[in-house]
Amino acid sequence: MTQYDNRLLDDVAKLFTSAAGAAQGLRQEIEAIVKGQAERLIADLDLVSRDEFDAVQAMAAKAREENEALKARIEALETAASSQG
């Protein structure tokens, strides 16, 4: 009876090992499908890349700085013109 019990336990263990391997494979397959769908959805949304976003953000910051410098220069010229006139 002990040999039968051991064999039964071995068979159950093999069954669980096979099931775990199949579940792992299924999980990987589902992850790949979901990742593919997400990538397609993002591509369809026509989003910009992080690099492009960072480049535009830097350009906007530089433009704001230049605008502030020009604004200060205009104010200085207007002050100088009003004091001469």
PDB file of N, CA and C in Angstrom:
ATOM      1  N   MET A   1       0.820  -1.191   0.000  1.00  0.00           N
ATOM      2  CA  MET A   1       0.000   0.000   0.000  1.00  0.00           C
ATOM      3  C   MET A   1       0.864   1.255   0.000  1.00  0.00           C
ATOM      4  N   THR A   2       2.011   1.182   0.635  1.00  0.00           N
ATOM      5  CA  THR A   2       2.898   2.329   0.706  1.00  0.00           C
ATOM      6  C   THR A   2       3.444   2.669  -0.669  1.00  0.00           C
ATOM      7  N   GLN A   3       3.777   1.641  -1.450  1.00  0.00           N
ATOM      8  CA  GLN A   3       4.274   1.902  -2.797  1.00  0.00           C
ATOM      9  C   GLN A   3       3.192   2.559  -3.657  1.00  0.00           C
ATOM     10  N   TYR A   4       1.965   2.125  -3.489  1.00  0.00           N
ATOM     11  CA  TYR A   4       0.862   2.699  -4.237  1.00  0.00           C
ATOM     12  C   TYR A   4       0.666   4.166  -3.841  1.00  0.00           C
ATOM     13  N   ASP A   5       0.748   4.460  -2.545  1.00  0.00           N
ATOM     14  CA  ASP A   5       0.614   5.833  -2.068  1.00  0.00           C
ATOM     15  C   ASP A   5       1.728   6.710  -2.615  1.00  0.00           C
ATOM     16  N   ASN A   6       2.971   6.201  -2.593  1.00  0.00           N
ATOM     17  CA  ASN A   6       4.107   6.967  -3.108  1.00  0.00           C
ATOM     18  C   ASN A   6       3.956   7.218  -4.606  1.00  0.00           C
ATOM     19  N   ARG A   7       3.517   6.194  -5.314  1.00  0.00           N
ATOM     20  CA  ARG A   7       3.335   6.356  -6.763  1.00  0.00           C
ATOM     21  C   ARG A   7       2.229   7.371  -7.051  1.00  0.00           C
ATOM     22  N   LEU A   8       1.160   7.315  -6.277  1.00  0.00           N
ATOM     23  CA  LEU A   8       0.059   8.247  -6.440  1.00  0.00           C
ATOM     24  C   LEU A   8       0.532   9.679  -6.152  1.00  0.00           C
ATOM     25  N   LEU A   9       1.299   9.852  -5.084  1.00  0.00           N
ATOM     26  CA  LEU A   9       1.835  11.176  -4.761  1.00  0.00           C
ATOM     27  C   LEU A   9       2.787  11.666  -5.843  1.00  0.00           C
ATOM     28  N   ASP A  10       3.604  10.768  -6.387  1.00  0.00           N
ATOM     29  CA  ASP A  10       4.510  11.148  -7.477  1.00  0.00           C
ATOM     30  C   ASP A  10       3.721  11.588  -8.708  1.00  0.00           C
ATOM     31  N   ASP A  11       2.669  10.849  -9.007  1.00  0.00           N
ATOM     32  CA  ASP A  11       1.843  11.202 -10.163  1.00  0.00           C
ATOM     33  C   ASP A  11       1.148  12.555  -9.958  1.00  0.00           C
ATOM     34  N   VAL A  12       0.661  12.785  -8.749  1.00  0.00           N
ATOM     35  CA  VAL A  12       0.017  14.064  -8.447  1.00  0.00           C
ATOM     36  C   VAL A  12       1.030  15.202  -8.541  1.00  0.00           C
ATOM     37  N   ALA A  13       2.242  14.964  -8.023  1.00  0.00           N
ATOM     38  CA  ALA A  13       3.291  15.983  -8.082  1.00  0.00           C
ATOM     39  C   ALA A  13       3.649  16.294  -9.536  1.00  0.00           C
ATOM     40  N   LYS A  14       3.748  15.268 -10.365  1.00  0.00           N
ATOM     41  CA  LYS A  14       4.054  15.484 -11.782  1.00  0.00           C
ATOM     42  C   LYS A  14       2.919  16.257 -12.462  1.00  0.00           C
ATOM     43  N   LEU A  15       1.695  15.942 -12.094  1.00  0.00           N
ATOM     44  CA  LEU A  15       0.546  16.630 -12.664  1.00  0.00           C
ATOM     45  C   LEU A  15       0.577  18.112 -12.300  1.00  0.00           C
ATOM     46  N   PHE A  16       0.853  18.402 -11.017  1.00  0.00           N
ATOM     47  CA  PHE A  16       0.934  19.800 -10.587  1.00  0.00           C
ATOM     48  C   PHE A  16       2.097  20.532 -11.257  1.00  0.00           C
ATOM     49  N   THR A  17       3.221  19.847 -11.417  1.00  0.00           N
ATOM     50  CA  THR A  17       4.374  20.455 -12.087  1.00  0.00           C
ATOM     51  C   THR A  17       4.034  20.777 -13.538  1.00  0.00           C
ATOM     52  N   SER A  18       3.373  19.856 -14.209  1.00  0.00           N
ATOM     53  CA  SER A  18       2.961  20.093 -15.598  1.00  0.00           C
ATOM     54  C   SER A  18       1.960  21.232 -15.683  1.00  0.00           C
ATOM     55  N   ALA A  19       1.017  21.253 -14.741  1.00  0.00           N
ATOM     56  CA  ALA A  19       0.018  22.315 -14.740  1.00  0.00           C
ATOM     57  C   ALA A  19       0.667  23.668 -14.483  1.00  0.00           C
ATOM     58  N   ALA A  20       1.635  23.709 -13.573  1.00  0.00           N
ATOM     59  CA  ALA A  20       2.328  24.969 -13.285  1.00  0.00           C
ATOM     60  C   ALA A  20       3.102  25.438 -14.512  1.00  0.00           C
ATOM     61  N   GLY A  21       3.746  24.514 -15.216  1.00  0.00           N
ATOM     62  CA  GLY A  21       4.471  24.873 -16.432  1.00  0.00           C
ATOM     63  C   GLY A  21       3.536  25.390 -17.511  1.00  0.00           C
ATOM     64  N   ALA A  22       2.379  24.749 -17.641  1.00  0.00           N
ATOM     65  CA  ALA A  22       1.399  25.191 -18.633  1.00  0.00           C
ATOM     66  C   ALA A  22       0.854  26.563 -18.265  1.00  0.00           C
ATOM     67  N   ALA A  23       0.604  26.771 -16.971  1.00  0.00           N
ATOM     68  CA  ALA A  23       0.093  28.074 -16.528  1.00  0.00           C
ATOM     69  C   ALA A  23       1.129  29.164 -16.779  1.00  0.00           C
ATOM     70  N   GLN A  24       2.398  28.857 -16.544  1.00  0.00           N
ATOM     71  CA  GLN A  24       3.474  29.827 -16.794  1.00  0.00           C
ATOM     72  C   GLN A  24       3.535  30.180 -18.279  1.00  0.00           C
ATOM     73  N   GLY A  25       3.440  29.171 -19.125  1.00  0.00           N
ATOM     74  CA  GLY A  25       3.445  29.418 -20.562  1.00  0.00           C
ATOM     75  C   GLY A  25       2.253  30.238 -21.009  1.00  0.00           C
ATOM     76  N   LEU A  26       1.096  29.931 -20.451  1.00  0.00           N
ATOM     77  CA  LEU A  26      -0.113  30.675 -20.782  1.00  0.00           C
ATOM     78  C   LEU A  26       0.008  32.123 -20.329  1.00  0.00           C
ATOM     79  N   ARG A  27       0.559  32.340 -19.128  1.00  0.00           N
ATOM     80  CA  ARG A  27       0.737  33.696 -18.608  1.00  0.00           C
ATOM     81  C   ARG A  27       1.655  34.499 -19.524  1.00  0.00           C
ATOM     82  N   GLN A  28       2.753  33.887 -19.966  1.00  0.00           N
ATOM     83  CA  GLN A  28       3.679  34.580 -20.870  1.00  0.00           C
ATOM     84  C   GLN A  28       3.010  34.911 -22.197  1.00  0.00           C
ATOM     85  N   GLU A  29       2.201  33.996 -22.679  1.00  0.00           N
ATOM     86  CA  GLU A  29       1.507  34.222 -23.944  1.00  0.00           C
ATOM     87  C   GLU A  29       0.498  35.366 -23.811  1.00  0.00           C
ATOM     88  N   ILE A  30      -0.240  35.389 -22.715  1.00  0.00           N
ATOM     89  CA  ILE A  30      -1.218  36.461 -22.486  1.00  0.00           C
ATOM     90  C   ILE A  30      -0.507  37.801 -22.333  1.00  0.00           C
ATOM     91  N   GLU A  31       0.616  37.819 -21.607  1.00  0.00           N
ATOM     92  CA  GLU A  31       1.380  39.067 -21.450  1.00  0.00           C
ATOM     93  C   GLU A  31       1.837  39.597 -22.809  1.00  0.00           C
ATOM     94  N   ALA A  32       2.301  38.708 -23.667  1.00  0.00           N
ATOM     95  CA  ALA A  32       2.759  39.120 -24.994  1.00  0.00           C
ATOM     96  C   ALA A  32       1.603  39.698 -25.814  1.00  0.00           C
ATOM     97  N   ILE A  33       0.443  39.073 -25.725  1.00  0.00           N
ATOM     98  CA  ILE A  33      -0.727  39.562 -26.473  1.00  0.00           C
ATOM     99  C   ILE A  33      -1.147  40.933 -25.960  1.00  0.00           C
ATOM    100  N   VAL A  34      -1.218  41.071 -24.630  1.00  0.00           N
ATOM    101  CA  VAL A  34      -1.631  42.352 -24.043  1.00  0.00           C
ATOM    102  C   VAL A  34      -0.622  43.436 -24.388  1.00  0.00           C
ATOM    103  N   LYS A  35       0.650  43.118 -24.315  1.00  0.00           N
ATOM    104  CA  LYS A  35       1.698  44.099 -24.646  1.00  0.00           C
ATOM    105  C   LYS A  35       1.574  44.528 -26.111  1.00  0.00           C
ATOM    106  N   GLY A  36       1.349  43.584 -26.995  1.00  0.00           N
ATOM    107  CA  GLY A  36       1.177  43.903 -28.408  1.00  0.00           C
ATOM    108  C   GLY A  36      -0.022  44.805 -28.652  1.00  0.00           C
ATOM    109  N   GLN A  37      -1.121  44.498 -27.983  1.00  0.00           N
ATOM    110  CA  GLN A  37      -2.326  45.323 -28.137  1.00  0.00           C
ATOM    111  C   GLN A  37      -2.086  46.734 -27.596  1.00  0.00           C
ATOM    112  N   ALA A  38      -1.404  46.825 -26.454  1.00  0.00           N
ATOM    113  CA  ALA A  38      -1.126  48.145 -25.865  1.00  0.00           C
ATOM    114  C   ALA A  38      -0.218  48.958 -26.792  1.00  0.00           C
ATOM    115  N   GLU A  39       0.790  48.316 -27.360  1.00  0.00           N
ATOM    116  CA  GLU A  39       1.681  49.021 -28.280  1.00  0.00           C
ATOM    117  C   GLU A  39       0.934  49.511 -29.508  1.00  0.00           C
ATOM    118  N   ARG A  40       0.021  48.696 -30.029  1.00  0.00           N
ATOM    119  CA  ARG A  40      -0.775  49.111 -31.180  1.00  0.00           C
ATOM    120  C   ARG A  40      -1.692  50.271 -30.832  1.00  0.00           C
ATOM    121  N   LEU A  41      -2.284  50.222 -29.655  1.00  0.00           N
ATOM    122  CA  LEU A  41      -3.171  51.293 -29.209  1.00  0.00           C
ATOM    123  C   LEU A  41      -2.392  52.599 -29.072  1.00  0.00           C
ATOM    124  N   ILE A  42      -1.220  52.536 -28.482  1.00  0.00           N
ATOM    125  CA  ILE A  42      -0.393  53.732 -28.317  1.00  0.00           C
ATOM    126  C   ILE A  42       0.035  54.275 -29.679  1.00  0.00           C
ATOM    127  N   ALA A  43       0.384  53.375 -30.587  1.00  0.00           N
ATOM    128  CA  ALA A  43       0.781  53.812 -31.930  1.00  0.00           C
ATOM    129  C   ALA A  43      -0.392  54.493 -32.637  1.00  0.00           C
ATOM    130  N   ASP A  44      -1.594  53.975 -32.443  1.00  0.00           N
ATOM    131  CA  ASP A  44      -2.777  54.565 -33.077  1.00  0.00           C
ATOM    132  C   ASP A  44      -3.109  55.934 -32.498  1.00  0.00           C
ATOM    133  N   LEU A  45      -2.736  56.178 -31.244  1.00  0.00           N
ATOM    134  CA  LEU A  45      -3.018  57.466 -30.612  1.00  0.00           C
ATOM    135  C   LEU A  45      -2.090  58.564 -31.109  1.00  0.00           C
ATOM    136  N   ASP A  46      -1.057  58.194 -31.831  1.00  0.00           N
ATOM    137  CA  ASP A  46      -0.103  59.156 -32.399  1.00  0.00           C
ATOM    138  C   ASP A  46       0.519  60.032 -31.305  1.00  0.00           C
ATOM    139  N   LEU A  47       0.982  59.378 -30.251  1.00  0.00           N
ATOM    140  CA  LEU A  47       1.634  60.077 -29.152  1.00  0.00           C
ATOM    141  C   LEU A  47       3.088  60.371 -29.499  1.00  0.00           C
ATOM    142  N   VAL A  48       3.646  61.393 -28.865  1.00  0.00           N
ATOM    143  CA  VAL A  48       5.048  61.708 -29.096  1.00  0.00           C
ATOM    144  C   VAL A  48       5.904  60.879 -28.154  1.00  0.00           C
ATOM    145  N   SER A  49       7.147  60.690 -28.554  1.00  0.00           N
ATOM    146  CA  SER A  49       8.071  59.948 -27.697  1.00  0.00           C
ATOM    147  C   SER A  49       8.556  60.849 -26.565  1.00  0.00           C
ATOM    148  N   ARG A  50       9.135  60.260 -25.573  1.00  0.00           N
ATOM    149  CA  ARG A  50       9.643  61.024 -24.434  1.00  0.00           C
ATOM    150  C   ARG A  50      10.753  61.965 -24.895  1.00  0.00           C
ATOM    151  N   ASP A  51      11.615  61.496 -25.796  1.00  0.00           N
ATOM    152  CA  ASP A  51      12.703  62.343 -26.301  1.00  0.00           C
ATOM    153  C   ASP A  51      12.158  63.570 -27.024  1.00  0.00           C
ATOM    154  N   GLU A  52      11.135  63.354 -27.859  1.00  0.00           N
ATOM    155  CA  GLU A  52      10.526  64.481 -28.570  1.00  0.00           C
ATOM    156  C   GLU A  52       9.882  65.466 -27.596  1.00  0.00           C
ATOM    157  N   PHE A  53       9.201  64.932 -26.588  1.00  0.00           N
ATOM    158  CA  PHE A  53       8.562  65.780 -25.591  1.00  0.00           C
ATOM    159  C   PHE A  53       9.605  66.611 -24.843  1.00  0.00           C
ATOM    160  N   ASP A  54      10.688  65.968 -24.433  1.00  0.00           N
ATOM    161  CA  ASP A  54      11.745  66.677 -23.707  1.00  0.00           C
ATOM    162  C   ASP A  54      12.377  67.771 -24.572  1.00  0.00           C
ATOM    163  N   ALA A  55      12.560  67.483 -25.867  1.00  0.00           N
ATOM    164  CA  ALA A  55      13.150  68.469 -26.773  1.00  0.00           C
ATOM    165  C   ALA A  55      12.237  69.686 -26.918  1.00  0.00           C
ATOM    166  N   VAL A  56      10.944  69.456 -27.081  1.00  0.00           N
ATOM    167  CA  VAL A  56       9.997  70.568 -27.220  1.00  0.00           C
ATOM    168  C   VAL A  56       9.901  71.346 -25.908  1.00  0.00           C
ATOM    169  N   GLN A  57       9.942  70.643 -24.807  1.00  0.00           N
ATOM    170  CA  GLN A  57       9.897  71.300 -23.503  1.00  0.00           C
ATOM    171  C   GLN A  57      11.118  72.208 -23.319  1.00  0.00           C
ATOM    172  N   ALA A  58      12.291  71.741 -23.723  1.00  0.00           N
ATOM    173  CA  ALA A  58      13.501  72.558 -23.629  1.00  0.00           C
ATOM    174  C   ALA A  58      13.402  73.776 -24.548  1.00  0.00           C
ATOM    175  N   MET A  59      12.859  73.577 -25.752  1.00  0.00           N
ATOM    176  CA  MET A  59      12.697  74.701 -26.675  1.00  0.00           C
ATOM    177  C   MET A  59      11.735  75.738 -26.098  1.00  0.00           C
ATOM    178  N   ALA A  60      10.659  75.290 -25.472  1.00  0.00           N
ATOM    179  CA  ALA A  60       9.690  76.212 -24.884  1.00  0.00           C
ATOM    180  C   ALA A  60      10.313  76.994 -23.734  1.00  0.00           C
ATOM    181  N   ALA A  61      11.114  76.320 -22.918  1.00  0.00           N
ATOM    182  CA  ALA A  61      11.780  77.005 -21.801  1.00  0.00           C
ATOM    183  C   ALA A  61      12.748  78.060 -22.319  1.00  0.00           C
ATOM    184  N   LYS A  62      13.479  77.724 -23.385  1.00  0.00           N
ATOM    185  CA  LYS A  62      14.414  78.687 -23.970  1.00  0.00           C
ATOM    186  C   LYS A  62      13.651  79.882 -24.553  1.00  0.00           C
ATOM    187  N   ALA A  63      12.534  79.618 -25.216  1.00  0.00           N
ATOM    188  CA  ALA A  63      11.727  80.703 -25.795  1.00  0.00           C
ATOM    189  C   ALA A  63      11.179  81.614 -24.701  1.00  0.00           C
ATOM    190  N   ARG A  64      10.746  81.014 -23.580  1.00  0.00           N
ATOM    191  CA  ARG A  64      10.262  81.844 -22.465  1.00  0.00           C
ATOM    192  C   ARG A  64      11.373  82.734 -21.920  1.00  0.00           C
ATOM    193  N   GLU A  65      12.568  82.183 -21.785  1.00  0.00           N
ATOM    194  CA  GLU A  65      13.699  82.980 -21.300  1.00  0.00           C
ATOM    195  C   GLU A  65      14.013  84.132 -22.262  1.00  0.00           C
ATOM    196  N   GLU A  66      14.000  83.829 -23.557  1.00  0.00           N
ATOM    197  CA  GLU A  66      14.276  84.872 -24.554  1.00  0.00           C
ATOM    198  C   GLU A  66      13.179  85.942 -24.520  1.00  0.00           C
ATOM    199  N   ASN A  67      11.929  85.533 -24.352  1.00  0.00           N
ATOM    200  CA  ASN A  67      10.830  86.504 -24.266  1.00  0.00           C
ATOM    201  C   ASN A  67      10.978  87.405 -23.046  1.00  0.00           C
ATOM    202  N   GLU A  68      11.362  86.836 -21.929  1.00  0.00           N
ATOM    203  CA  GLU A  68      11.566  87.635 -20.721  1.00  0.00           C
ATOM    204  C   GLU A  68      12.714  88.628 -20.919  1.00  0.00           C
ATOM    205  N   ALA A  69      13.793  88.186 -21.574  1.00  0.00           N
ATOM    206  CA  ALA A  69      14.927  89.072 -21.832  1.00  0.00           C
ATOM    207  C   ALA A  69      14.513  90.211 -22.769  1.00  0.00           C
ATOM    208  N   LEU A  70      13.739  89.888 -23.804  1.00  0.00           N
ATOM    209  CA  LEU A  70      13.273  90.908 -24.738  1.00  0.00           C
ATOM    210  C   LEU A  70      12.311  91.879 -24.061  1.00  0.00           C
ATOM    211  N   LYS A  71      11.462  91.353 -23.207  1.00  0.00           N
ATOM    212  CA  LYS A  71      10.529  92.202 -22.476  1.00  0.00           C
ATOM    213  C   LYS A  71      11.294  93.197 -21.589  1.00  0.00           C
ATOM    214  N   ALA A  72      12.313  92.723 -20.895  1.00  0.00           N
ATOM    215  CA  ALA A  72      13.123  93.599 -20.047  1.00  0.00           C
ATOM    216  C   ALA A  72      13.857  94.643 -20.895  1.00  0.00           C
ATOM    217  N   ARG A  73      14.333  94.220 -22.057  1.00  0.00           N
ATOM    218  CA  ARG A  73      15.039  95.154 -22.945  1.00  0.00           C
ATOM    219  C   ARG A  73      14.092  96.244 -23.464  1.00  0.00           C
ATOM    220  N   ILE A  74      12.880  95.842 -23.850  1.00  0.00           N
ATOM    221  CA  ILE A  74      11.892  96.820 -24.336  1.00  0.00           C
ATOM    222  C   ILE A  74      11.530  97.804 -23.227  1.00  0.00           C
ATOM    223  N   GLU A  75      11.319  97.288 -22.022  1.00  0.00           N
ATOM    224  CA  GLU A  75      10.997  98.165 -20.902  1.00  0.00           C
ATOM    225  C   GLU A  75      12.137  99.162 -20.638  1.00  0.00           C
ATOM    226  N   ALA A  76      13.385  98.702 -20.730  1.00  0.00           N
ATOM    227  CA  ALA A  76      14.518  99.587 -20.528  1.00  0.00           C
ATOM    228  C   ALA A  76      14.587 100.656 -21.623  1.00  0.00           C
ATOM    229  N   LEU A  77      14.327 100.255 -22.872  1.00  0.00           N
ATOM    230  CA  LEU A  77      14.348 101.215 -23.982  1.00  0.00           C
ATOM    231  C   LEU A  77      13.200 102.203 -23.831  1.00  0.00           C
ATOM    232  N   GLU A  78      12.013 101.750 -23.427  1.00  0.00           N
ATOM    233  CA  GLU A  78      10.883 102.664 -23.236  1.00  0.00           C
ATOM    234  C   GLU A  78      11.165 103.645 -22.105  1.00  0.00           C
ATOM    235  N   THR A  79      11.798 103.166 -21.042  1.00  0.00           N
ATOM    236  CA  THR A  79      12.146 104.040 -19.929  1.00  0.00           C
ATOM    237  C   THR A  79      13.155 105.095 -20.376  1.00  0.00           C
ATOM    238  N   ALA A  80      14.127 104.665 -21.134  1.00  0.00           N
ATOM    239  CA  ALA A  80      15.155 105.593 -21.636  1.00  0.00           C
ATOM    240  C   ALA A  80      14.532 106.616 -22.595  1.00  0.00           C
ATOM    241  N   ALA A  81      13.609 106.140 -23.448  1.00  0.00           N
ATOM    242  CA  ALA A  81      12.973 107.057 -24.417  1.00  0.00           C
ATOM    243  C   ALA A  81      12.079 108.075 -23.701  1.00  0.00           C
ATOM    244  N   SER A  82      11.374 107.627 -22.678  1.00  0.00           N
ATOM    245  CA  SER A  82      10.469 108.556 -21.973  1.00  0.00           C
ATOM    246  C   SER A  82      11.251 109.561 -21.131  1.00  0.00           C
ATOM    247  N   SER A  83      12.416 109.170 -20.653  1.00  0.00           N
ATOM    248  CA  SER A  83      13.208 110.126 -19.865  1.00  0.00           C
ATOM    249  C   SER A  83      13.909 111.158 -20.770  1.00  0.00           C
ATOM    250  N   GLN A  84      14.135 110.829 -22.048  1.00  0.00           N
ATOM    251  CA  GLN A  84      14.766 111.773 -22.991  1.00  0.00           C
ATOM    252  C   GLN A  84      13.718 112.707 -23.585  1.00  0.00           C
ATOM    253  N   GLY A  85      12.511 112.307 -23.613  1.00  0.00           N
ATOM    254  CA  GLY A  85      11.502 113.080 -24.323  1.00  0.00           C
ATOM    255  C   GLY A  85      10.719 113.945 -23.470  1.00  0.00           C
TER     256      GLY A  85
END
